[in-house]
Amino acid sequence: MQIRSSRPDDEPRLTEISRSAWSPVVSPNPPNPPFFDERTLPDNVLAVLMALDLSTG
């Protein structure tokens, strides 16, 4: 596992995660792109990279 600052090319996956985690209990409107904007910059968001072990079948 590796933790790093996000990059602009992480935006599609972060948007997908944000949408799947959305609940009307938290916010009245579902998240809409773009994920990054003037308030949410890539350097302010952490990304976790996990390696997949495909050898375990």
Protein backbone atom coordinates (compact mmCIF):
# COMPACT_ATOMS: atom_id res chain seq x y z
CA MET A 1 0.00 0.00 0.00
CA GLN A 2 1.27 3.47 -0.86
CA ILE A 3 -0.26 6.81 0.15
CA ARG A 4 0.40 9.89 -1.96
CA SER A 5 -1.14 13.20 -2.94
CA SER A 6 -3.67 12.74 -5.68
CA ARG A 7 -3.10 13.89 -9.24
CA PRO A 8 -5.48 15.25 -11.84
CA ASP A 9 -5.57 11.85 -13.58
CA ASP A 10 -7.04 10.35 -10.37
CA GLU A 11 -10.21 12.39 -10.84
CA PRO A 12 -12.34 9.76 -12.65
CA ARG A 13 -11.78 7.13 -9.94
CA LEU A 14 -12.23 9.63 -7.10
CA THR A 15 -15.49 10.79 -8.69
CA GLU A 16 -16.64 7.17 -8.87
CA ILE A 17 -15.79 6.59 -5.20
CA SER A 18 -17.50 9.83 -4.19
CA ARG A 19 -20.69 8.89 -6.06
CA SER A 20 -20.79 5.37 -4.64
CA ALA A 21 -20.33 6.67 -1.07
CA TRP A 22 -22.95 9.44 -1.41
CA SER A 23 -26.06 9.27 0.77
CA PRO A 24 -29.00 11.67 1.04
CA VAL A 25 -28.35 11.64 4.80
CA VAL A 26 -25.03 13.41 4.18
CA SER A 27 -25.92 15.75 1.32
CA PRO A 28 -29.17 16.61 -0.46
CA ASN A 29 -27.57 16.34 -3.91
CA PRO A 30 -25.35 13.62 -5.33
CA PRO A 31 -21.80 14.70 -6.21
CA ASN A 32 -21.31 15.99 -9.72
CA PRO A 33 -18.06 16.34 -11.65
CA PRO A 34 -15.60 17.86 -11.56
CA PHE A 35 -14.16 16.29 -8.42
CA PHE A 36 -11.31 18.79 -8.35
CA ASP A 37 -12.12 22.50 -8.31
CA GLU A 38 -10.85 25.71 -6.71
CA ARG A 39 -11.82 24.39 -3.24
CA THR A 40 -10.65 20.79 -3.70
CA LEU A 41 -7.17 20.68 -5.20
CA PRO A 42 -5.30 17.45 -6.02
CA ASP A 43 -2.60 18.32 -3.44
CA ASN A 44 -5.30 18.45 -0.73
CA VAL A 45 -6.58 14.92 -1.38
CA LEU A 46 -4.74 11.71 -0.49
CA ALA A 47 -4.81 8.66 -2.75
CA VAL A 48 -4.08 5.13 -1.60
CA LEU A 49 -2.51 2.76 -4.09
CA MET A 50 -2.87 -0.94 -3.38
CA ALA A 51 -1.13 -3.71 -5.27
CA LEU A 52 -3.25 -6.68 -6.28
CA ASP A 53 -1.78 -10.11 -5.68
CA LEU A 54 -3.05 -12.07 -8.67
CA SER A 55 -0.95 -15.14 -7.82
CA THR A 56 -3.41 -16.34 -5.16
CA GLY A 57 -5.99 -17.26 -7.81
